[in-house]
Amino acid sequence: MKIEGRIVSDWIHVVESECQKLLAQGKTLSLDLSGVNFVGAEGVLMIRRLIDQGCALANCPLFIHHVLCTHTK
């Protein structure tokens, strides 16, 4: 699934809901974050939850990778 723009506010629920539907169907899911230019704190937590559920990341920009690795839960 390709995500673009900002991962903030109402979009967090939309993205997470769609991803969880696919994961619940037993599908392999990878988030392509190459088009993301900002991730808010709640977006970071959402991405972590999806990773914990088996979602992979693809084309993750370095700044997002850094935030995912250093942001406290």
PDB file of N, CA and C in Angstrom:
ATOM      1  N   MET A   1       0.853  -1.158   0.000  1.00  0.00           N
ATOM      2  CA  MET A   1       0.000   0.000   0.000  1.00  0.00           C
ATOM      3  C   MET A   1       0.906   1.230   0.000  1.00  0.00           C
ATOM      4  N   LYS A   2       0.683   2.108  -0.947  1.00  0.00           N
ATOM      5  CA  LYS A   2       1.493   3.324  -1.032  1.00  0.00           C
ATOM      6  C   LYS A   2       0.788   4.448  -0.279  1.00  0.00           C
ATOM      7  N   ILE A   3       1.525   5.072   0.609  1.00  0.00           N
ATOM      8  CA  ILE A   3       1.003   6.194   1.382  1.00  0.00           C
ATOM      9  C   ILE A   3       1.775   7.440   0.978  1.00  0.00           C
ATOM     10  N   GLU A   4       1.045   8.532   0.791  1.00  0.00           N
ATOM     11  CA  GLU A   4       1.687   9.783   0.384  1.00  0.00           C
ATOM     12  C   GLU A   4       1.221  10.930   1.265  1.00  0.00           C
ATOM     13  N   GLY A   5       2.056  11.944   1.364  1.00  0.00           N
ATOM     14  CA  GLY A   5       1.688  13.147   2.109  1.00  0.00           C
ATOM     15  C   GLY A   5       1.998  13.047   3.585  1.00  0.00           C
ATOM     16  N   ARG A   6       1.026  13.458   4.383  1.00  0.00           N
ATOM     17  CA  ARG A   6       1.194  13.538   5.832  1.00  0.00           C
ATOM     18  C   ARG A   6       0.372  12.462   6.521  1.00  0.00           C
ATOM     19  N   ILE A   7       0.967  11.788   7.504  1.00  0.00           N
ATOM     20  CA  ILE A   7       0.245  10.795   8.297  1.00  0.00           C
ATOM     21  C   ILE A   7      -0.102  11.466   9.619  1.00  0.00           C
ATOM     22  N   VAL A   8      -1.290  12.063   9.648  1.00  0.00           N
ATOM     23  CA  VAL A   8      -1.747  12.828  10.807  1.00  0.00           C
ATOM     24  C   VAL A   8      -3.254  12.663  10.997  1.00  0.00           C
ATOM     25  N   SER A   9      -3.726  13.032  12.156  1.00  0.00           N
ATOM     26  CA  SER A   9      -5.131  13.131  12.570  1.00  0.00           C
ATOM     27  C   SER A   9      -6.037  12.060  11.980  1.00  0.00           C
ATOM     28  N   ASP A  10      -7.066  12.453  11.266  1.00  0.00           N
ATOM     29  CA  ASP A  10      -8.089  11.519  10.788  1.00  0.00           C
ATOM     30  C   ASP A  10      -7.529  10.466   9.835  1.00  0.00           C
ATOM     31  N   TRP A  11      -6.468  10.775   9.127  1.00  0.00           N
ATOM     32  CA  TRP A  11      -5.897   9.821   8.179  1.00  0.00           C
ATOM     33  C   TRP A  11      -5.302   8.615   8.878  1.00  0.00           C
ATOM     34  N   ILE A  12      -4.901   8.775  10.112  1.00  0.00           N
ATOM     35  CA  ILE A  12      -4.320   7.661  10.861  1.00  0.00           C
ATOM     36  C   ILE A  12      -5.339   6.543  10.983  1.00  0.00           C
ATOM     37  N   HIS A  13      -6.559   6.881  11.363  1.00  0.00           N
ATOM     38  CA  HIS A  13      -7.605   5.865  11.514  1.00  0.00           C
ATOM     39  C   HIS A  13      -7.914   5.201  10.175  1.00  0.00           C
ATOM     40  N   VAL A  14      -7.984   5.977   9.116  1.00  0.00           N
ATOM     41  CA  VAL A  14      -8.292   5.441   7.783  1.00  0.00           C
ATOM     42  C   VAL A  14      -7.218   4.442   7.351  1.00  0.00           C
ATOM     43  N   VAL A  15      -5.974   4.837   7.448  1.00  0.00           N
ATOM     44  CA  VAL A  15      -4.867   3.971   7.028  1.00  0.00           C
ATOM     45  C   VAL A  15      -4.841   2.707   7.877  1.00  0.00           C
ATOM     46  N   GLU A  16      -4.924   2.863   9.189  1.00  0.00           N
ATOM     47  CA  GLU A  16      -4.839   1.703  10.074  1.00  0.00           C
ATOM     48  C   GLU A  16      -5.998   0.745   9.848  1.00  0.00           C
ATOM     49  N   SER A  17      -7.183   1.274   9.672  1.00  0.00           N
ATOM     50  CA  SER A  17      -8.364   0.441   9.438  1.00  0.00           C
ATOM     51  C   SER A  17      -8.213  -0.379   8.154  1.00  0.00           C
ATOM     52  N   GLU A  18      -7.786   0.254   7.074  1.00  0.00           N
ATOM     53  CA  GLU A  18      -7.615  -0.455   5.804  1.00  0.00           C
ATOM     54  C   GLU A  18      -6.520  -1.513   5.907  1.00  0.00           C
ATOM     55  N   CYS A  19      -5.443  -1.183   6.572  1.00  0.00           N
ATOM     56  CA  CYS A  19      -4.349  -2.139   6.735  1.00  0.00           C
ATOM     57  C   CYS A  19      -4.779  -3.328   7.577  1.00  0.00           C
ATOM     58  N   GLN A  20      -5.507  -3.070   8.648  1.00  0.00           N
ATOM     59  CA  GLN A  20      -5.954  -4.152   9.513  1.00  0.00           C
ATOM     60  C   GLN A  20      -6.922  -5.086   8.784  1.00  0.00           C
ATOM     61  N   LYS A  21      -7.746  -4.551   7.894  1.00  0.00           N
ATOM     62  CA  LYS A  21      -8.640  -5.393   7.098  1.00  0.00           C
ATOM     63  C   LYS A  21      -7.830  -6.374   6.244  1.00  0.00           C
ATOM     64  N   LEU A  22      -6.796  -5.866   5.594  1.00  0.00           N
ATOM     65  CA  LEU A  22      -5.960  -6.720   4.749  1.00  0.00           C
ATOM     66  C   LEU A  22      -5.209  -7.764   5.569  1.00  0.00           C
ATOM     67  N   LEU A  23      -4.668  -7.346   6.697  1.00  0.00           N
ATOM     68  CA  LEU A  23      -3.939  -8.279   7.557  1.00  0.00           C
ATOM     69  C   LEU A  23      -4.873  -9.349   8.119  1.00  0.00           C
ATOM     70  N   ALA A  24      -6.098  -8.960   8.459  1.00  0.00           N
ATOM     71  CA  ALA A  24      -7.075  -9.914   8.986  1.00  0.00           C
ATOM     72  C   ALA A  24      -7.450 -10.966   7.947  1.00  0.00           C
ATOM     73  N   GLN A  25      -7.339 -10.620   6.674  1.00  0.00           N
ATOM     74  CA  GLN A  25      -7.621 -11.558   5.582  1.00  0.00           C
ATOM     75  C   GLN A  25      -6.428 -12.467   5.307  1.00  0.00           C
ATOM     76  N   GLY A  26      -5.375 -12.295   6.078  1.00  0.00           N
ATOM     77  CA  GLY A  26      -4.183 -13.112   5.918  1.00  0.00           C
ATOM     78  C   GLY A  26      -3.272 -12.657   4.792  1.00  0.00           C
ATOM     79  N   LYS A  27      -3.492 -11.464   4.306  1.00  0.00           N
ATOM     80  CA  LYS A  27      -2.673 -10.950   3.214  1.00  0.00           C
ATOM     81  C   LYS A  27      -1.362 -10.382   3.747  1.00  0.00           C
ATOM     82  N   THR A  28      -0.348 -10.465   2.920  1.00  0.00           N
ATOM     83  CA  THR A  28       0.935  -9.843   3.240  1.00  0.00           C
ATOM     84  C   THR A  28       0.819  -8.373   2.885  1.00  0.00           C
ATOM     85  N   LEU A  29       1.251  -7.526   3.794  1.00  0.00           N
ATOM     86  CA  LEU A  29       1.101  -6.089   3.583  1.00  0.00           C
ATOM     87  C   LEU A  29       2.428  -5.379   3.770  1.00  0.00           C
ATOM     88  N   SER A  30       2.706  -4.493   2.845  1.00  0.00           N
ATOM     89  CA  SER A  30       3.892  -3.656   2.919  1.00  0.00           C
ATOM     90  C   SER A  30       3.455  -2.213   2.690  1.00  0.00           C
ATOM     91  N   LEU A  31       3.893  -1.324   3.563  1.00  0.00           N
ATOM     92  CA  LEU A  31       3.597   0.097   3.413  1.00  0.00           C
ATOM     93  C   LEU A  31       4.748   0.764   2.683  1.00  0.00           C
ATOM     94  N   ASP A  32       4.454   1.339   1.537  1.00  0.00           N
ATOM     95  CA  ASP A  32       5.449   2.093   0.784  1.00  0.00           C
ATOM     96  C   ASP A  32       5.351   3.543   1.257  1.00  0.00           C
ATOM     97  N   LEU A  33       6.348   3.990   1.986  1.00  0.00           N
ATOM     98  CA  LEU A  33       6.333   5.321   2.580  1.00  0.00           C
ATOM     99  C   LEU A  33       7.154   6.337   1.792  1.00  0.00           C
ATOM    100  N   SER A  34       7.520   6.006   0.559  1.00  0.00           N
ATOM    101  CA  SER A  34       8.384   6.883  -0.226  1.00  0.00           C
ATOM    102  C   SER A  34       7.772   8.261  -0.463  1.00  0.00           C
ATOM    103  N   GLY A  35       6.458   8.369  -0.474  1.00  0.00           N
ATOM    104  CA  GLY A  35       5.804   9.646  -0.730  1.00  0.00           C
ATOM    105  C   GLY A  35       5.364  10.383   0.528  1.00  0.00           C
ATOM    106  N   VAL A  36       5.767   9.896   1.691  1.00  0.00           N
ATOM    107  CA  VAL A  36       5.375  10.535   2.951  1.00  0.00           C
ATOM    108  C   VAL A  36       6.369  11.637   3.290  1.00  0.00           C
ATOM    109  N   ASN A  37       5.836  12.825   3.625  1.00  0.00           N
ATOM    110  CA  ASN A  37       6.728  13.936   3.967  1.00  0.00           C
ATOM    111  C   ASN A  37       6.610  14.377   5.425  1.00  0.00           C
ATOM    112  N   PHE A  38       5.677  13.761   6.179  1.00  0.00           N
ATOM    113  CA  PHE A  38       5.551  14.086   7.603  1.00  0.00           C
ATOM    114  C   PHE A  38       4.773  12.974   8.287  1.00  0.00           C
ATOM    115  N   VAL A  39       5.205  12.620   9.502  1.00  0.00           N
ATOM    116  CA  VAL A  39       4.481  11.652  10.329  1.00  0.00           C
ATOM    117  C   VAL A  39       4.371  12.246  11.718  1.00  0.00           C
ATOM    118  N   GLY A  40       3.132  12.467  12.180  1.00  0.00           N
ATOM    119  CA  GLY A  40       2.910  12.965  13.526  1.00  0.00           C
ATOM    120  C   GLY A  40       3.131  11.857  14.550  1.00  0.00           C
ATOM    121  N   ALA A  41       3.122  12.226  15.818  1.00  0.00           N
ATOM    122  CA  ALA A  41       3.368  11.264  16.899  1.00  0.00           C
ATOM    123  C   ALA A  41       2.380  10.099  16.859  1.00  0.00           C
ATOM    124  N   GLU A  42       1.106  10.386  16.614  1.00  0.00           N
ATOM    125  CA  GLU A  42       0.110   9.317  16.531  1.00  0.00           C
ATOM    126  C   GLU A  42       0.354   8.441  15.306  1.00  0.00           C
ATOM    127  N   GLY A  43       0.846   9.025  14.243  1.00  0.00           N
ATOM    128  CA  GLY A  43       1.186   8.254  13.051  1.00  0.00           C
ATOM    129  C   GLY A  43       2.330   7.289  13.309  1.00  0.00           C
ATOM    130  N   VAL A  44       3.305   7.730  14.083  1.00  0.00           N
ATOM    131  CA  VAL A  44       4.426   6.865  14.461  1.00  0.00           C
ATOM    132  C   VAL A  44       3.907   5.669  15.239  1.00  0.00           C
ATOM    133  N   LEU A  45       3.024   5.927  16.185  1.00  0.00           N
ATOM    134  CA  LEU A  45       2.465   4.834  16.986  1.00  0.00           C
ATOM    135  C   LEU A  45       1.659   3.874  16.118  1.00  0.00           C
ATOM    136  N   MET A  46       0.906   4.405  15.159  1.00  0.00           N
ATOM    137  CA  MET A  46       0.132   3.564  14.251  1.00  0.00           C
ATOM    138  C   MET A  46       1.052   2.667  13.426  1.00  0.00           C
ATOM    139  N   ILE A  47       2.112   3.243  12.876  1.00  0.00           N
ATOM    140  CA  ILE A  47       3.037   2.448  12.076  1.00  0.00           C
ATOM    141  C   ILE A  47       3.654   1.348  12.926  1.00  0.00           C
ATOM    142  N   ARG A  48       4.014   1.659  14.148  1.00  0.00           N
ATOM    143  CA  ARG A  48       4.567   0.639  15.054  1.00  0.00           C
ATOM    144  C   ARG A  48       3.557  -0.470  15.315  1.00  0.00           C
ATOM    145  N   ARG A  49       2.280  -0.105  15.524  1.00  0.00           N
ATOM    146  CA  ARG A  49       1.249  -1.127  15.747  1.00  0.00           C
ATOM    147  C   ARG A  49       1.132  -2.036  14.529  1.00  0.00           C
ATOM    148  N   LEU A  50       1.150  -1.437  13.348  1.00  0.00           N
ATOM    149  CA  LEU A  50       1.035  -2.235  12.123  1.00  0.00           C
ATOM    150  C   LEU A  50       2.240  -3.155  11.945  1.00  0.00           C
ATOM    151  N   ILE A  51       3.424  -2.669  12.258  1.00  0.00           N
ATOM    152  CA  ILE A  51       4.622  -3.515  12.190  1.00  0.00           C
ATOM    153  C   ILE A  51       4.478  -4.688  13.148  1.00  0.00           C
ATOM    154  N   ASP A  52       3.985  -4.420  14.360  1.00  0.00           N
ATOM    155  CA  ASP A  52       3.781  -5.480  15.353  1.00  0.00           C
ATOM    156  C   ASP A  52       2.782  -6.527  14.867  1.00  0.00           C
ATOM    157  N   GLN A  53       1.880  -6.127  13.960  1.00  0.00           N
ATOM    158  CA  GLN A  53       0.870  -7.041  13.427  1.00  0.00           C
ATOM    159  C   GLN A  53       1.347  -7.749  12.161  1.00  0.00           C
ATOM    160  N   GLY A  54       2.579  -7.488  11.751  1.00  0.00           N
ATOM    161  CA  GLY A  54       3.145  -8.198  10.616  1.00  0.00           C
ATOM    162  C   GLY A  54       3.308  -7.385   9.354  1.00  0.00           C
ATOM    163  N   CYS A  55       3.025  -6.115   9.408  1.00  0.00           N
ATOM    164  CA  CYS A  55       3.171  -5.248   8.246  1.00  0.00           C
ATOM    165  C   CYS A  55       4.651  -4.900   8.052  1.00  0.00           C
ATOM    166  N   ALA A  56       5.083  -4.891   6.810  1.00  0.00           N
ATOM    167  CA  ALA A  56       6.466  -4.517   6.494  1.00  0.00           C
ATOM    168  C   ALA A  56       6.497  -3.085   5.969  1.00  0.00           C
ATOM    169  N   LEU A  57       7.657  -2.480   6.015  1.00  0.00           N
ATOM    170  CA  LEU A  57       7.841  -1.141   5.457  1.00  0.00           C
ATOM    171  C   LEU A  57       8.709  -1.232   4.215  1.00  0.00           C
ATOM    172  N   ALA A  58       8.361  -0.416   3.226  1.00  0.00           N
ATOM    173  CA  ALA A  58       9.159  -0.350   2.004  1.00  0.00           C
ATOM    174  C   ALA A  58       9.455   1.115   1.699  1.00  0.00           C
ATOM    175  N   ASN A  59      10.625   1.370   1.163  1.00  0.00           N
ATOM    176  CA  ASN A  59      11.002   2.720   0.752  1.00  0.00           C
ATOM    177  C   ASN A  59      10.779   3.747   1.858  1.00  0.00           C
ATOM    178  N   CYS A  60      11.194   3.384   3.054  1.00  0.00           N
ATOM    179  CA  CYS A  60      11.003   4.255   4.211  1.00  0.00           C
ATOM    180  C   CYS A  60      12.083   5.341   4.219  1.00  0.00           C
ATOM    181  N   PRO A  61      11.678   6.607   4.100  1.00  0.00           N
ATOM    182  CA  PRO A  61      12.666   7.688   4.154  1.00  0.00           C
ATOM    183  C   PRO A  61      13.453   7.651   5.463  1.00  0.00           C
ATOM    184  N   LEU A  62      14.683   8.073   5.398  1.00  0.00           N
ATOM    185  CA  LEU A  62      15.573   8.022   6.559  1.00  0.00           C
ATOM    186  C   LEU A  62      14.994   8.759   7.763  1.00  0.00           C
ATOM    187  N   PHE A  63      14.362   9.917   7.535  1.00  0.00           N
ATOM    188  CA  PHE A  63      13.830  10.671   8.679  1.00  0.00           C
ATOM    189  C   PHE A  63      12.697   9.916   9.369  1.00  0.00           C
ATOM    190  N   ILE A  64      11.907   9.167   8.631  1.00  0.00           N
ATOM    191  CA  ILE A  64      10.833   8.374   9.240  1.00  0.00           C
ATOM    192  C   ILE A  64      11.432   7.186   9.977  1.00  0.00           C
ATOM    193  N   HIS A  65      12.397   6.537   9.357  1.00  0.00           N
ATOM    194  CA  HIS A  65      13.075   5.418  10.021  1.00  0.00           C
ATOM    195  C   HIS A  65      13.668   5.870  11.351  1.00  0.00           C
ATOM    196  N   HIS A  66      14.309   7.018  11.342  1.00  0.00           N
ATOM    197  CA  HIS A  66      14.917   7.560  12.562  1.00  0.00           C
ATOM    198  C   HIS A  66      13.855   7.796  13.645  1.00  0.00           C
ATOM    199  N   VAL A  67      12.738   8.396  13.256  1.00  0.00           N
ATOM    200  CA  VAL A  67      11.665   8.667  14.222  1.00  0.00           C
ATOM    201  C   VAL A  67      11.082   7.366  14.756  1.00  0.00           C
ATOM    202  N   LEU A  68      10.897   6.379  13.900  1.00  0.00           N
ATOM    203  CA  LEU A  68      10.354   5.094  14.340  1.00  0.00           C
ATOM    204  C   LEU A  68      11.282   4.416  15.337  1.00  0.00           C
ATOM    205  N   CYS A  69      12.569   4.589  15.142  1.00  0.00           N
ATOM    206  CA  CYS A  69      13.563   3.926  16.010  1.00  0.00           C
ATOM    207  C   CYS A  69      13.813   4.680  17.313  1.00  0.00           C
ATOM    208  N   THR A  70      13.534   5.981  17.356  1.00  0.00           N
ATOM    209  CA  THR A  70      13.874   6.753  18.536  1.00  0.00           C
ATOM    210  C   THR A  70      12.664   7.244  19.314  1.00  0.00           C
ATOM    211  N   HIS A  71      11.485   7.221  18.742  1.00  0.00           N
ATOM    212  CA  HIS A  71      10.276   7.733  19.405  1.00  0.00           C
ATOM    213  C   HIS A  71       9.904   6.782  20.549  1.00  0.00           C
ATOM    214  N   THR A  72       9.668   7.329  21.723  1.00  0.00           N
ATOM    215  CA  THR A  72       9.301   6.495  22.867  1.00  0.00           C
ATOM    216  C   THR A  72       7.826   6.160  22.807  1.00  0.00           C
ATOM    217  N   LYS A  73       7.521   4.964  23.302  1.00  0.00           N
ATOM    218  CA  LYS A  73       6.129   4.500  23.316  1.00  0.00           C
ATOM    219  C   LYS A  73       5.367   5.115  24.455  1.00  0.00           C
TER     220      LYS A  73
END
